[in-house]
C-alpha atoms as a PDB file:
ATOM      1  CA  UNK A   1      77.217  14.439  23.212  1.00  0.00           C
ATOM      2  CA  UNK A   2      74.970  11.886  21.444  1.00  0.00           C
ATOM      3  CA  UNK A   3      71.844  10.656  23.175  1.00  0.00           C
ATOM      4  CA  UNK A   4      71.785   7.147  24.643  1.00  0.00           C
ATOM      5  CA  UNK A   5      68.842   4.759  24.943  1.00  0.00           C
ATOM      6  CA  UNK A   6      68.366   5.945  28.510  1.00  0.00           C
ATOM      7  CA  UNK A   7      67.861   9.490  27.180  1.00  0.00           C
ATOM      8  CA  UNK A   8      65.055   8.275  24.907  1.00  0.00           C
ATOM      9  CA  UNK A   9      63.268   6.209  27.539  1.00  0.00           C
ATOM     10  CA  UNK A  10      60.262   8.258  28.680  1.00  0.00           C
ATOM     11  CA  UNK A  11      60.238   9.076  32.392  1.00  0.00           C
ATOM     12  CA  UNK A  12      56.435   8.991  32.299  1.00  0.00           C
ATOM     13  CA  UNK A  13      53.864   7.568  29.910  1.00  0.00           C
ATOM     14  CA  UNK A  14      50.239   8.663  29.809  1.00  0.00           C
ATOM     15  CA  UNK A  15      47.809   5.824  29.250  1.00  0.00           C
ATOM     16  CA  UNK A  16      44.185   6.904  29.329  1.00  0.00           C
ATOM     17  CA  UNK A  17      43.663   8.753  32.597  1.00  0.00           C
ATOM     18  CA  UNK A  18      46.839   7.343  34.180  1.00  0.00           C
ATOM     19  CA  UNK A  19      50.281   8.914  34.230  1.00  0.00           C
ATOM     20  CA  UNK A  20      52.676   6.007  34.689  1.00  0.00           C
ATOM     21  CA  UNK A  21      56.184   6.653  36.019  1.00  0.00           C
ATOM     22  CA  UNK A  22      58.970   4.635  34.380  1.00  0.00           C
ATOM     23  CA  UNK A  23      61.851   3.847  36.718  1.00  0.00           C
ATOM     24  CA  UNK A  24      65.023   1.904  36.053  1.00  0.00           C
ATOM     25  CA  UNK A  25      66.284  -0.244  38.888  1.00  0.00           C
ATOM     26  CA  UNK A  26      69.601  -1.929  39.446  1.00  0.00           C
ATOM     27  CA  UNK A  27      69.762  -5.423  37.970  1.00  0.00           C
ATOM     28  CA  UNK A  28      70.708  -6.936  41.313  1.00  0.00           C
ATOM     29  CA  UNK A  29      67.668  -5.359  42.965  1.00  0.00           C
ATOM     30  CA  UNK A  30      65.533  -6.723  40.150  1.00  0.00           C
ATOM     31  CA  UNK A  31      66.851 -10.235  40.803  1.00  0.00           C
ATOM     32  CA  UNK A  32      66.115  -9.902  44.515  1.00  0.00           C
ATOM     33  CA  UNK A  33      62.474  -8.951  43.854  1.00  0.00           C
ATOM     34  CA  UNK A  34      61.117 -12.363  42.894  1.00  0.00           C
ATOM     35  CA  UNK A  35      63.637 -12.554  40.045  1.00  0.00           C
ATOM     36  CA  UNK A  36      61.565 -10.178  37.932  1.00  0.00           C
ATOM     37  CA  UNK A  37      62.908  -8.222  34.993  1.00  0.00           C
ATOM     38  CA  UNK A  38      60.221  -5.614  35.381  1.00  0.00           C
ATOM     39  CA  UNK A  39      57.111  -4.886  37.342  1.00  0.00           C
ATOM     40  CA  UNK A  40      53.967  -2.774  36.925  1.00  0.00           C
ATOM     41  CA  UNK A  41      52.585  -1.509  40.245  1.00  0.00           C
ATOM     42  CA  UNK A  42      49.004  -0.459  39.593  1.00  0.00           C
ATOM     43  CA  UNK A  43      48.410   1.176  42.959  1.00  0.00           C
ATOM     44  CA  UNK A  44      51.336   3.556  42.490  1.00  0.00           C
ATOM     45  CA  UNK A  45      51.204   3.725  38.665  1.00  0.00           C
ATOM     46  CA  UNK A  46      54.902   2.868  38.347  1.00  0.00           C
ATOM     47  CA  UNK A  47      56.713   0.545  36.007  1.00  0.00           C
ATOM     48  CA  UNK A  48      60.065  -0.688  37.308  1.00  0.00           C
ATOM     49  CA  UNK A  49      62.482  -1.956  34.657  1.00  0.00           C
ATOM     50  CA  UNK A  50      65.810  -3.758  35.064  1.00  0.00           C
ATOM     51  CA  UNK A  51      68.408  -1.158  34.035  1.00  0.00           C
ATOM     52  CA  UNK A  52      70.809  -3.794  32.658  1.00  0.00           C
ATOM     53  CA  UNK A  53      68.140  -5.219  30.354  1.00  0.00           C
ATOM     54  CA  UNK A  54      66.976  -1.790  29.211  1.00  0.00           C
ATOM     55  CA  UNK A  55      70.545  -0.800  28.306  1.00  0.00           C
ATOM     56  CA  UNK A  56      71.374  -4.184  26.786  1.00  0.00           C
ATOM     57  CA  UNK A  57      69.971  -6.122  23.849  1.00  0.00           C
ATOM     58  CA  UNK A  58      67.466  -3.919  21.966  1.00  0.00           C
ATOM     59  CA  UNK A  59      64.936  -6.709  21.425  1.00  0.00           C
ATOM     60  CA  UNK A  60      64.876  -7.577  25.124  1.00  0.00           C
ATOM     61  CA  UNK A  61      64.533  -3.922  26.153  1.00  0.00           C
ATOM     62  CA  UNK A  62      61.634  -3.322  23.759  1.00  0.00           C
ATOM     63  CA  UNK A  63      59.957  -6.557  24.790  1.00  0.00           C
ATOM     64  CA  UNK A  64      60.287  -5.741  28.488  1.00  0.00           C
ATOM     65  CA  UNK A  65      58.740  -2.284  28.330  1.00  0.00           C
ATOM     66  CA  UNK A  66      55.919  -3.474  26.054  1.00  0.00           C
ATOM     67  CA  UNK A  67      55.274  -6.420  28.389  1.00  0.00           C
ATOM     68  CA  UNK A  68      54.935  -4.147  31.416  1.00  0.00           C
ATOM     69  CA  UNK A  69      52.806  -1.647  29.498  1.00  0.00           C
ATOM     70  CA  UNK A  70      50.452  -4.478  28.549  1.00  0.00           C
ATOM     71  CA  UNK A  71      49.976  -5.133  32.265  1.00  0.00           C
ATOM     72  CA  UNK A  72      48.988  -1.456  32.554  1.00  0.00           C
ATOM     73  CA  UNK A  73      46.567  -1.832  29.628  1.00  0.00           C
ATOM     74  CA  UNK A  74      45.098  -4.955  31.236  1.00  0.00           C
ATOM     75  CA  UNK A  75      44.550  -2.980  34.450  1.00  0.00           C
ATOM     76  CA  UNK A  76      43.209   0.178  32.790  1.00  0.00           C
ATOM     77  CA  UNK A  77      40.698  -1.679  30.641  1.00  0.00           C
ATOM     78  CA  UNK A  78      39.551  -3.679  33.670  1.00  0.00           C
ATOM     79  CA  UNK A  79      40.271  -7.016  32.027  1.00  0.00           C
ATOM     80  CA  UNK A  80      40.005 -10.234  34.005  1.00  0.00           C
ATOM     81  CA  UNK A  81      39.873 -13.987  33.603  1.00  0.00           C
ATOM     82  CA  UNK A  82      36.225 -13.439  32.674  1.00  0.00           C
ATOM     83  CA  UNK A  83      37.156 -11.257  29.687  1.00  0.00           C
ATOM     84  CA  UNK A  84      36.624 -12.780  26.269  1.00  0.00           C
ATOM     85  CA  UNK A  85      39.432 -13.170  23.783  1.00  0.00           C
ATOM     86  CA  UNK A  86      37.926 -10.392  21.660  1.00  0.00           C
ATOM     87  CA  UNK A  87      37.734  -8.062  24.697  1.00  0.00           C
ATOM     88  CA  UNK A  88      41.404  -8.706  25.510  1.00  0.00           C
ATOM     89  CA  UNK A  89      42.643  -8.352  21.938  1.00  0.00           C
ATOM     90  CA  UNK A  90      40.603  -5.178  21.416  1.00  0.00           C
ATOM     91  CA  UNK A  91      41.862  -3.629  24.658  1.00  0.00           C
ATOM     92  CA  UNK A  92      45.491  -4.489  23.842  1.00  0.00           C
ATOM     93  CA  UNK A  93      45.172  -3.097  20.292  1.00  0.00           C
ATOM     94  CA  UNK A  94      43.546   0.111  21.558  1.00  0.00           C
ATOM     95  CA  UNK A  95      46.094   0.526  24.333  1.00  0.00           C
ATOM     96  CA  UNK A  96      49.123  -0.128  22.125  1.00  0.00           C
ATOM     97  CA  UNK A  97      47.780   2.214  19.436  1.00  0.00           C
ATOM     98  CA  UNK A  98      47.413   4.940  22.061  1.00  0.00           C
ATOM     99  CA  UNK A  99      50.930   4.304  23.395  1.00  0.00           C
ATOM    100  CA  UNK A 100      52.509   4.338  19.939  1.00  0.00           C
ATOM    101  CA  UNK A 101      50.673   7.400  18.639  1.00  0.00           C
ATOM    102  CA  UNK A 102      50.288   9.622  21.715  1.00  0.00           C
ATOM    103  CA  UNK A 103      53.453   9.048  23.773  1.00  0.00           C
ATOM    104  CA  UNK A 104      57.234   8.981  23.329  1.00  0.00           C
ATOM    105  CA  UNK A 105      57.296   5.168  23.371  1.00  0.00           C
ATOM    106  CA  UNK A 106      57.726   4.924  19.597  1.00  0.00           C
ATOM    107  CA  UNK A 107      60.719   7.275  19.706  1.00  0.00           C
ATOM    108  CA  UNK A 108      62.386   4.974  22.269  1.00  0.00           C
ATOM    109  CA  UNK A 109      61.635   1.872  20.171  1.00  0.00           C
ATOM    110  CA  UNK A 110      63.005   3.474  16.993  1.00  0.00           C
ATOM    111  CA  UNK A 111      66.198   4.435  18.816  1.00  0.00           C
ATOM    112  CA  UNK A 112      66.638   0.917  20.250  1.00  0.00           C
ATOM    113  CA  UNK A 113      66.090  -0.639  16.806  1.00  0.00           C
ATOM    114  CA  UNK A 114      69.030   1.360  15.459  1.00  0.00           C
ATOM    115  CA  UNK A 115      71.202  -0.668  17.871  1.00  0.00           C
ATOM    116  CA  UNK A 116      70.233  -3.971  16.230  1.00  0.00           C
END
């Protein structure tokens, strides 16, 4: 049986010293939680993603997981409103490079892009 996008979505992603759980939630639950499509919970190191979005349009699925991972990068690199533009851009570039080269995120993105 061929793999689906859900099969390629990592269940966990390591970012620096954190191991972040990736969990799909029902779209209706997602709407009931402040109408969010996804959510990064720093205290628990969990990213919740709307299952309907993640199994739907590839561009939206990729955008959603990257968006939530950037929240994790922001947290891990201790960024704040006091951070300079260069600090933020550098942290995001470093974090995304780590995610794309040291995790299964790229494999998921490549699979989703085949659906375009």
